[in-house]
Amino acid sequence: MLFLVAALLLFGVVVGSVAHAPLPVSLVAAAVIGVWLAVFAVREHHARRRGTSTN
């Protein structure tokens, strides 16, 4: 539960920061986060296909 509260607080800070940042900065940050999530998804997909776990 504490993790959820911390995550929501961090999300609020990030959304508040993006509201004051210029649009190109926000778009670049969104693209970087999107690429990071795509790389993570591909790595997870390959790890599950091999049957290995990183944990």
N, C-alpha and C. Protein backbone atom coordinates (compact mmCIF):
# COMPACT_ATOMS: atom_id res chain seq x y z
N MET A 1 0.82 -1.19 0.00
CA MET A 1 0.00 0.00 0.00
C MET A 1 0.87 1.25 0.00
N LEU A 2 1.95 1.22 0.76
CA LEU A 2 2.85 2.37 0.81
C LEU A 2 3.50 2.60 -0.55
N PHE A 3 3.82 1.50 -1.26
CA PHE A 3 4.39 1.62 -2.60
C PHE A 3 3.41 2.31 -3.53
N LEU A 4 2.14 1.98 -3.44
CA LEU A 4 1.12 2.61 -4.29
C LEU A 4 1.01 4.10 -4.01
N VAL A 5 1.04 4.48 -2.76
CA VAL A 5 0.97 5.89 -2.38
C VAL A 5 2.19 6.64 -2.92
N ALA A 6 3.37 6.04 -2.78
CA ALA A 6 4.59 6.67 -3.28
C ALA A 6 4.55 6.80 -4.80
N ALA A 7 4.06 5.77 -5.48
CA ALA A 7 3.97 5.81 -6.94
C ALA A 7 3.00 6.90 -7.40
N LEU A 8 1.87 7.02 -6.75
CA LEU A 8 0.90 8.05 -7.11
C LEU A 8 1.45 9.45 -6.82
N LEU A 9 2.19 9.59 -5.74
CA LEU A 9 2.79 10.88 -5.42
C LEU A 9 3.83 11.25 -6.49
N LEU A 10 4.66 10.31 -6.88
CA LEU A 10 5.65 10.56 -7.92
C LEU A 10 4.96 10.87 -9.24
N PHE A 11 3.89 10.16 -9.55
CA PHE A 11 3.13 10.42 -10.78
C PHE A 11 2.58 11.84 -10.78
N GLY A 12 2.07 12.28 -9.64
CA GLY A 12 1.56 13.64 -9.53
C GLY A 12 2.63 14.69 -9.74
N VAL A 13 3.82 14.45 -9.22
CA VAL A 13 4.93 15.39 -9.40
C VAL A 13 5.33 15.44 -10.86
N VAL A 14 5.40 14.28 -11.52
CA VAL A 14 5.80 14.24 -12.93
C VAL A 14 4.75 14.92 -13.80
N VAL A 15 3.48 14.65 -13.56
CA VAL A 15 2.42 15.27 -14.36
C VAL A 15 2.42 16.78 -14.13
N GLY A 16 2.65 17.21 -12.91
CA GLY A 16 2.72 18.64 -12.63
C GLY A 16 3.89 19.30 -13.32
N SER A 17 5.01 18.60 -13.40
CA SER A 17 6.18 19.15 -14.09
C SER A 17 5.94 19.25 -15.59
N VAL A 18 5.30 18.24 -16.15
CA VAL A 18 5.03 18.24 -17.59
C VAL A 18 4.07 19.35 -17.96
N ALA A 19 3.17 19.69 -17.07
CA ALA A 19 2.21 20.76 -17.37
C ALA A 19 2.91 22.10 -17.54
N HIS A 20 4.08 22.28 -16.94
CA HIS A 20 4.79 23.55 -17.02
C HIS A 20 5.96 23.51 -18.01
N ALA A 21 6.26 22.34 -18.55
CA ALA A 21 7.36 22.22 -19.50
C ALA A 21 6.87 22.56 -20.91
N PRO A 22 7.77 23.03 -21.76
CA PRO A 22 7.39 23.28 -23.15
C PRO A 22 6.99 21.98 -23.85
N LEU A 23 6.15 22.08 -24.86
CA LEU A 23 5.66 20.90 -25.56
C LEU A 23 6.77 20.04 -26.16
N PRO A 24 7.78 20.60 -26.82
CA PRO A 24 8.84 19.73 -27.36
C PRO A 24 9.57 18.92 -26.28
N VAL A 25 9.78 19.52 -25.12
CA VAL A 25 10.43 18.79 -24.03
C VAL A 25 9.56 17.63 -23.57
N SER A 26 8.27 17.89 -23.46
CA SER A 26 7.33 16.84 -23.05
C SER A 26 7.29 15.71 -24.07
N LEU A 27 7.31 16.05 -25.35
CA LEU A 27 7.26 15.03 -26.39
C LEU A 27 8.53 14.19 -26.41
N VAL A 28 9.67 14.81 -26.22
CA VAL A 28 10.94 14.07 -26.16
C VAL A 28 10.94 13.13 -24.96
N ALA A 29 10.50 13.62 -23.82
CA ALA A 29 10.43 12.77 -22.62
C ALA A 29 9.48 11.61 -22.83
N ALA A 30 8.34 11.87 -23.46
CA ALA A 30 7.38 10.79 -23.74
C ALA A 30 7.98 9.76 -24.69
N ALA A 31 8.73 10.21 -25.68
CA ALA A 31 9.36 9.28 -26.62
C ALA A 31 10.41 8.42 -25.92
N VAL A 32 11.21 9.04 -25.05
CA VAL A 32 12.23 8.28 -24.32
C VAL A 32 11.58 7.23 -23.43
N ILE A 33 10.52 7.60 -22.73
CA ILE A 33 9.82 6.64 -21.87
C ILE A 33 9.20 5.53 -22.70
N GLY A 34 8.63 5.88 -23.85
CA GLY A 34 8.04 4.87 -24.73
C GLY A 34 9.06 3.87 -25.24
N VAL A 35 10.23 4.36 -25.63
CA VAL A 35 11.30 3.46 -26.10
C VAL A 35 11.76 2.56 -24.96
N TRP A 36 11.90 3.15 -23.77
CA TRP A 36 12.32 2.36 -22.61
C TRP A 36 11.32 1.24 -22.33
N LEU A 37 10.03 1.56 -22.37
CA LEU A 37 9.00 0.54 -22.13
C LEU A 37 8.99 -0.51 -23.24
N ALA A 38 9.22 -0.11 -24.47
CA ALA A 38 9.25 -1.07 -25.57
C ALA A 38 10.44 -2.03 -25.42
N VAL A 39 11.60 -1.50 -25.06
CA VAL A 39 12.78 -2.35 -24.85
C VAL A 39 12.52 -3.33 -23.70
N PHE A 40 11.91 -2.83 -22.63
CA PHE A 40 11.59 -3.70 -21.50
C PHE A 40 10.63 -4.82 -21.92
N ALA A 41 9.61 -4.47 -22.71
CA ALA A 41 8.63 -5.47 -23.16
C ALA A 41 9.29 -6.53 -24.04
N VAL A 42 10.17 -6.10 -24.93
CA VAL A 42 10.86 -7.06 -25.80
C VAL A 42 11.75 -7.98 -24.97
N ARG A 43 12.49 -7.42 -24.01
CA ARG A 43 13.35 -8.26 -23.16
C ARG A 43 12.52 -9.26 -22.35
N GLU A 44 11.40 -8.81 -21.81
CA GLU A 44 10.53 -9.72 -21.05
C GLU A 44 9.98 -10.81 -21.95
N HIS A 45 9.58 -10.45 -23.16
CA HIS A 45 9.03 -11.44 -24.09
C HIS A 45 10.07 -12.50 -24.42
N HIS A 46 11.30 -12.07 -24.69
CA HIS A 46 12.36 -13.03 -25.00
C HIS A 46 12.71 -13.89 -23.78
N ALA A 47 12.70 -13.31 -22.62
CA ALA A 47 13.02 -14.08 -21.41
C ALA A 47 11.95 -15.13 -21.14
N ARG A 48 10.70 -14.80 -21.38
CA ARG A 48 9.62 -15.78 -21.16
C ARG A 48 9.65 -16.89 -22.21
N ARG A 49 10.05 -16.57 -23.43
CA ARG A 49 10.14 -17.59 -24.47
C ARG A 49 11.23 -18.60 -24.16
N ARG A 50 12.33 -18.12 -23.59
CA ARG A 50 13.45 -19.01 -23.23
C ARG A 50 13.17 -19.79 -21.95
N GLY A 51 12.25 -19.29 -21.15
CA GLY A 51 11.94 -19.97 -19.90
C GLY A 51 12.85 -19.60 -18.77
N THR A 52 13.61 -18.52 -18.92
CA THR A 52 14.49 -18.08 -17.83
C THR A 52 13.86 -16.92 -17.11
N SER A 53 14.26 -16.74 -15.88
CA SER A 53 13.75 -15.63 -15.09
C SER A 53 14.92 -14.78 -14.61
N THR A 54 14.74 -13.46 -14.62
CA THR A 54 15.81 -12.57 -14.16
C THR A 54 15.70 -12.32 -12.66
N ASN A 55 14.66 -12.81 -12.03
CA ASN A 55 14.46 -12.58 -10.59
C ASN A 55 15.04 -13.69 -9.78
